[in-house]
Amino acid sequence: MAIFLNKDSKVIVQGMTGATGMKHTKLMLADGTNIVGGVNPRKAGTSVDFDGTDIPVFGSVAEAIEKTGANVSVLFVPPAFSKAAVVEAIDAEIPLAVVITEGIAVHDSAAFYAYAKSKGDKTRIIGPNCPGLITPGQSNAGIIPGDITKPGRIGLVSKSGTLTYQMMYELRDIGFSSAVGIGGDPVIGTTHIDALAAFEADPETDLIVMIGEIGGDAEERAADFIKANVTKPVVGYVAGFTAPEGKTMGHAGAIVSGSSGTAQAKKEALEAAGVKVGKTPTETAKLARELLS
């Protein structure tokens, strides 16, 4: 099983013909992702050859959906144009939009998130500023390395891209049902809670690993959700135990003010909900192993 993405997903890439889009389209294809098209209004009607795989370029998301039946878009669009690209995806009612781009203005992210809500939430947004998601052995939508793990029984949801990769590598012998990088910006689409609910409903996910970080209250809200709704074991890690107060660390959303949003406060909230929390990624992986064995 998988959440949000599987072998039947038909993926388009907005910004496929740019340098970053080209690089990661090639890598996604190598991971077995069914990429059916790219979107670039200026190059509509052309195609791009990826080592013998010819991918057509469409003028709009709506046209790509009409011609290919696409149901996932991965966006490699520069920050200044990302809002328009996400709005286009929402207008076309694509079920899943994965916004990889870093550096999108919070005002723009808030605007397209609110726009998706106003349109009836027909488009799930993952990101922005995220590594995307992967269902190992089936499909990869984003920039997560496809060769660091295998299919398995663990579901992973993480704010951090690099910690996603480290946790997948630490538990590579057990493997993952799906791994979702939700991004660390102050305003994001899919949250820890959304992923936790999906993993709880997935019959082939036996254990959930949740990676958070300092700043905001997303992890505290996730702890409340786990307490009320999640029956599967959850292991957590919160990055930033040594972060100085009042400084933005790494992600734009990772800023601590007062006692709100500290790693210790998040750890205590998660432990109160029955989540085992590691102090390091390696310790977190060890806790996951112990629970699964």
Protein backbone atom coordinates (compact mmCIF):
# COMPACT_ATOMS: atom_id res chain seq x y z
CA MET A 1 0.00 0.00 0.00
CA ALA A 2 0.97 3.66 -0.08
CA ILE A 3 -0.35 7.09 0.81
CA PHE A 4 -0.98 9.82 -1.77
CA LEU A 5 1.28 8.24 -4.45
CA ASN A 6 1.53 4.78 -6.03
CA LYS A 7 2.57 2.89 -9.19
CA ASP A 8 -0.61 4.04 -10.97
CA SER A 9 0.06 7.76 -10.35
CA LYS A 10 0.47 9.73 -13.58
CA VAL A 11 2.92 12.55 -12.95
CA ILE A 12 3.53 15.81 -14.79
CA VAL A 13 6.38 18.23 -14.07
CA GLN A 14 5.74 21.97 -14.06
CA GLY A 15 9.09 23.52 -14.92
CA MET A 16 10.41 20.28 -16.46
CA THR A 17 12.48 22.07 -19.12
CA GLY A 18 14.53 24.12 -16.62
CA ALA A 19 17.88 22.83 -15.35
CA THR A 20 16.53 21.60 -11.99
CA GLY A 21 13.38 20.16 -13.56
CA MET A 22 15.41 18.28 -16.18
CA LYS A 23 17.80 16.85 -13.58
CA HIS A 24 15.09 15.57 -11.27
CA THR A 25 12.75 14.38 -14.02
CA LYS A 26 15.58 12.10 -15.14
CA LEU A 27 16.06 10.82 -11.58
CA MET A 28 12.31 10.30 -11.03
CA LEU A 29 12.08 8.30 -14.28
CA ALA A 30 15.01 6.15 -13.10
CA ASP A 31 13.02 5.39 -9.94
CA GLY A 32 10.11 4.08 -12.03
CA THR A 33 7.86 7.15 -11.76
CA ASN A 34 5.25 7.27 -14.53
CA ILE A 35 5.99 10.78 -15.85
CA VAL A 36 3.54 11.56 -18.64
CA GLY A 37 4.39 15.16 -19.47
CA GLY A 38 5.94 18.50 -18.65
CA VAL A 39 4.36 21.96 -18.61
CA ASN A 40 5.92 25.05 -20.17
CA PRO A 41 3.69 27.45 -22.16
CA ARG A 42 6.67 28.65 -24.21
CA LYS A 43 7.66 25.12 -25.27
CA ALA A 44 4.21 23.59 -25.78
CA GLY A 45 4.12 21.01 -28.55
CA THR A 46 7.77 19.99 -28.17
CA SER A 47 9.15 16.98 -26.29
CA VAL A 48 12.25 16.13 -24.27
CA ASP A 49 14.25 12.91 -24.66
CA PHE A 50 15.36 11.39 -21.35
CA ASP A 51 17.67 8.52 -22.27
CA GLY A 52 15.24 7.16 -24.84
CA THR A 53 12.05 8.12 -23.00
CA ASP A 54 10.28 10.90 -24.91
CA ILE A 55 8.26 13.18 -22.61
CA PRO A 56 5.83 15.66 -24.27
CA VAL A 57 5.61 19.29 -23.14
CA PHE A 58 2.15 20.86 -22.77
CA GLY A 59 1.10 24.48 -22.65
CA SER A 60 -0.92 24.18 -19.43
CA VAL A 61 -1.73 21.81 -16.58
CA ALA A 62 -5.31 21.54 -17.87
CA GLU A 63 -4.08 20.42 -21.30
CA ALA A 64 -1.68 17.91 -19.74
CA ILE A 65 -4.52 16.41 -17.67
CA GLU A 66 -6.81 16.27 -20.70
CA LYS A 67 -4.21 14.55 -22.90
CA THR A 68 -2.61 12.20 -20.36
CA GLY A 69 -4.98 11.74 -17.41
CA ALA A 70 -2.29 13.11 -15.07
CA ASN A 71 -3.20 13.19 -11.37
CA VAL A 72 0.04 14.46 -9.80
CA SER A 73 2.10 17.56 -10.57
CA VAL A 74 5.63 18.18 -9.26
CA LEU A 75 6.60 21.85 -9.38
CA PHE A 76 10.15 23.01 -10.07
CA VAL A 77 9.17 26.64 -10.70
CA PRO A 78 11.24 29.64 -9.51
CA PRO A 79 9.84 31.36 -6.37
CA ALA A 80 8.53 34.46 -8.18
CA PHE A 81 6.36 32.34 -10.49
CA SER A 82 5.39 29.56 -8.07
CA LYS A 83 2.12 31.12 -6.88
CA ALA A 84 0.79 31.36 -10.44
CA ALA A 85 1.92 27.79 -11.17
CA VAL A 86 0.19 26.37 -8.07
CA VAL A 87 -2.99 28.37 -8.79
CA GLU A 88 -2.95 26.92 -12.32
CA ALA A 89 -2.70 23.40 -10.90
CA ILE A 90 -5.58 24.13 -8.48
CA ASP A 91 -7.73 25.55 -11.29
CA ALA A 92 -7.09 22.37 -13.31
CA GLU A 93 -8.19 20.36 -10.22
CA ILE A 94 -5.16 18.10 -10.22
CA PRO A 95 -5.52 15.89 -7.11
CA LEU A 96 -1.93 16.31 -5.88
CA ALA A 97 0.52 19.22 -6.31
CA VAL A 98 4.02 18.74 -4.90
CA VAL A 99 5.73 22.12 -4.52
CA ILE A 100 9.49 21.56 -4.23
CA THR A 101 10.54 25.22 -4.58
CA GLU A 102 12.37 26.88 -1.70
CA GLY A 103 12.13 30.61 -0.99
CA ILE A 104 8.48 31.21 -1.90
CA ALA A 105 7.17 34.28 -0.04
CA VAL A 106 4.96 33.28 2.90
CA HIS A 107 2.28 35.64 1.57
CA ASP A 108 2.23 33.66 -1.72
CA SER A 109 2.07 30.30 0.07
CA ALA A 110 -0.79 31.55 2.26
CA ALA A 111 -2.58 32.82 -0.85
CA PHE A 112 -2.45 29.57 -2.83
CA TYR A 113 -3.25 27.48 0.26
CA ALA A 114 -6.35 29.64 0.88
CA TYR A 115 -7.21 29.45 -2.83
CA ALA A 116 -7.15 25.63 -2.72
CA LYS A 117 -9.51 25.74 0.29
CA SER A 118 -11.86 28.14 -1.51
CA LYS A 119 -12.01 25.73 -4.45
CA GLY A 120 -13.16 22.87 -2.24
CA ASP A 121 -9.78 21.32 -1.39
CA LYS A 122 -9.78 19.29 -4.62
CA THR A 123 -5.98 19.67 -4.83
CA ARG A 124 -3.78 18.35 -2.03
CA ILE A 125 -0.68 20.55 -1.75
CA ILE A 126 2.55 19.11 -0.39
CA GLY A 127 5.17 21.75 0.46
CA PRO A 128 6.42 24.25 -0.43
CA ASN A 129 10.15 23.99 0.36
CA CYS A 130 9.96 20.22 0.62
CA PRO A 131 11.64 17.11 -0.83
CA GLY A 132 8.32 15.66 -2.00
CA LEU A 133 7.22 12.10 -1.37
CA ILE A 134 8.20 8.58 -2.34
CA THR A 135 6.57 5.19 -2.28
CA PRO A 136 9.65 2.97 -2.68
CA GLY A 137 9.47 0.58 -5.60
CA GLN A 138 6.43 2.35 -7.02
CA SER A 139 6.80 6.10 -7.57
CA ASN A 140 8.88 9.10 -6.56
CA ALA A 141 7.50 12.67 -6.84
CA GLY A 142 10.23 15.10 -5.86
CA ILE A 143 13.91 15.01 -4.96
CA ILE A 144 14.16 12.17 -2.40
CA PRO A 145 16.97 9.80 -3.45
CA GLY A 146 15.30 6.62 -4.68
CA ASP A 147 18.15 4.25 -3.87
CA ILE A 148 18.52 4.66 -0.09
CA THR A 149 15.72 2.37 1.05
CA LYS A 150 13.29 -0.34 -0.05
CA PRO A 151 9.55 -1.01 0.28
CA GLY A 152 8.57 -1.90 3.82
CA ARG A 153 6.33 -1.38 6.83
CA ILE A 154 7.25 2.09 8.14
CA GLY A 155 5.45 5.33 7.29
CA LEU A 156 7.54 8.50 7.56
CA VAL A 157 6.41 12.14 7.73
CA SER A 158 9.03 14.84 8.14
CA LYS A 159 9.47 18.61 8.09
CA SER A 160 13.12 18.25 7.06
CA GLY A 161 14.44 16.92 3.76
CA THR A 162 17.87 15.81 4.93
CA LEU A 163 16.45 14.17 8.06
CA THR A 164 13.98 12.33 5.81
CA TYR A 165 16.91 10.88 3.90
CA GLN A 166 18.86 10.02 7.05
CA MET A 167 15.91 8.22 8.66
CA MET A 168 15.20 6.28 5.45
CA TYR A 169 18.86 5.23 5.33
CA GLU A 170 18.98 4.30 9.04
CA LEU A 171 15.96 2.00 8.59
CA ARG A 172 16.72 0.86 5.04
CA ASP A 173 16.77 -2.85 5.97
CA ILE A 174 13.14 -2.62 7.20
CA GLY A 175 11.89 -0.26 4.47
CA PHE A 176 9.03 2.19 4.06
CA SER A 177 5.43 2.13 2.84
CA SER A 178 5.70 5.84 1.96
CA ALA A 179 7.82 8.79 3.06
CA VAL A 180 6.41 12.32 2.91
CA GLY A 181 8.48 15.48 3.31
CA ILE A 182 5.98 18.20 4.21
CA GLY A 183 8.44 21.12 4.29
CA GLY A 184 9.47 23.53 7.02
CA ASP A 185 7.97 26.84 5.91
CA PRO A 186 5.54 28.67 8.24
CA VAL A 187 2.63 27.95 5.85
CA ILE A 188 2.43 24.51 4.24
CA GLY A 189 -0.30 22.44 2.63
CA THR A 190 -0.25 18.87 3.92
CA THR A 191 0.56 18.67 7.65
CA HIS A 192 1.86 16.04 10.06
CA ILE A 193 -1.77 15.37 11.01
CA ASP A 194 -2.83 14.72 7.40
CA ALA A 195 -0.02 12.20 6.94
CA LEU A 196 -0.63 10.58 10.34
CA ALA A 197 -4.32 10.06 9.43
CA ALA A 198 -3.36 8.52 6.07
CA PHE A 199 -0.79 6.17 7.63
CA GLU A 200 -3.27 5.15 10.33
CA ALA A 201 -5.70 4.15 7.55
CA ASP A 202 -3.06 2.32 5.49
CA PRO A 203 -3.23 -1.44 6.30
CA GLU A 204 0.40 -2.03 5.31
CA THR A 205 1.94 0.67 7.52
CA ASP A 206 2.79 -0.92 10.89
CA LEU A 207 4.69 1.94 12.52
CA ILE A 208 4.93 5.70 11.93
CA VAL A 209 8.03 7.84 12.30
CA MET A 210 7.34 11.57 12.67
CA ILE A 211 10.13 14.12 12.38
CA GLY A 212 9.51 17.66 13.56
CA GLU A 213 11.63 20.65 14.46
CA ILE A 214 11.60 23.77 16.62
CA GLY A 215 9.17 26.58 15.86
CA GLY A 216 5.39 26.78 15.69
CA ASP A 217 3.01 24.32 17.35
CA ALA A 218 2.52 21.71 14.58
CA GLU A 219 4.08 18.93 16.66
CA GLU A 220 1.95 19.76 19.71
CA ARG A 221 -1.18 19.64 17.56
CA ALA A 222 0.02 16.35 16.05
CA ALA A 223 0.48 14.98 19.60
CA ASP A 224 -3.16 15.81 20.41
CA PHE A 225 -4.25 14.07 17.17
CA ILE A 226 -2.16 10.98 17.94
CA LYS A 227 -3.64 10.71 21.41
CA ALA A 228 -7.21 10.83 20.06
CA ASN A 229 -6.94 9.02 16.72
CA VAL A 230 -3.80 6.94 16.14
CA THR A 231 -3.65 3.31 17.29
CA LYS A 232 -0.36 2.39 15.60
CA PRO A 233 2.97 2.95 17.37
CA VAL A 234 4.56 6.34 16.61
CA VAL A 235 8.23 7.23 17.08
CA GLY A 236 9.26 10.89 17.00
CA TYR A 237 12.30 13.09 16.61
CA VAL A 238 12.41 16.87 17.09
CA ALA A 239 15.37 18.71 15.56
CA GLY A 240 16.77 21.69 17.44
CA PHE A 241 17.46 20.76 21.08
CA THR A 242 20.58 22.96 21.04
CA ALA A 243 19.11 25.87 19.05
CA PRO A 244 19.46 29.33 20.65
CA GLU A 245 16.19 31.08 21.51
CA GLY A 246 14.95 33.75 19.11
CA LYS A 247 17.13 32.69 16.16
CA THR A 248 15.76 31.28 12.91
CA MET A 249 17.48 27.93 12.36
CA GLY A 250 17.42 26.36 8.90
CA HIS A 251 13.80 26.50 7.84
CA ALA A 252 11.88 29.76 7.78
CA GLY A 253 9.37 28.28 10.23
CA ALA A 254 11.99 27.17 12.73
CA ILE A 255 12.06 30.07 15.16
CA VAL A 256 11.50 29.80 18.90
CA SER A 257 9.96 32.58 20.98
CA GLY A 258 9.81 32.11 24.74
CA SER A 259 8.94 28.53 25.72
CA SER A 260 6.66 28.13 22.69
CA GLY A 261 8.02 25.92 19.96
CA THR A 262 11.09 24.58 21.80
CA ALA A 263 12.29 21.05 21.13
CA GLN A 264 11.78 20.16 24.82
CA ALA A 265 8.15 21.38 24.81
CA LYS A 266 7.44 19.36 21.66
CA LYS A 267 9.16 16.26 23.08
CA GLU A 268 7.06 16.48 26.26
CA ALA A 269 3.82 16.90 24.30
CA LEU A 270 4.61 13.89 22.11
CA GLU A 271 5.65 11.70 25.05
CA ALA A 272 2.43 12.63 26.86
CA ALA A 273 0.59 11.21 23.82
CA GLY A 274 2.50 7.92 24.09
CA VAL A 275 5.07 8.69 21.39
CA LYS A 276 8.62 7.48 22.00
CA VAL A 277 10.96 10.38 21.16
CA GLY A 278 14.64 10.00 20.32
CA LYS A 279 17.26 12.67 21.08
CA THR A 280 19.10 11.93 17.79
CA PRO A 281 18.03 10.42 14.45
CA THR A 282 20.04 7.26 15.24
CA GLU A 283 18.37 6.88 18.64
CA THR A 284 14.98 7.41 16.96
CA ALA A 285 15.73 4.65 14.44
CA LYS A 286 16.74 2.36 17.32
CA LEU A 287 13.39 3.01 19.05
CA ALA A 288 11.56 2.16 15.81
CA ARG A 289 13.48 -1.12 15.51
CA GLU A 290 12.67 -2.09 19.09
CA LEU A 291 8.96 -1.45 18.57
CA LEU A 292 8.83 -3.43 15.32
CA SER A 293 10.70 -6.40 16.75
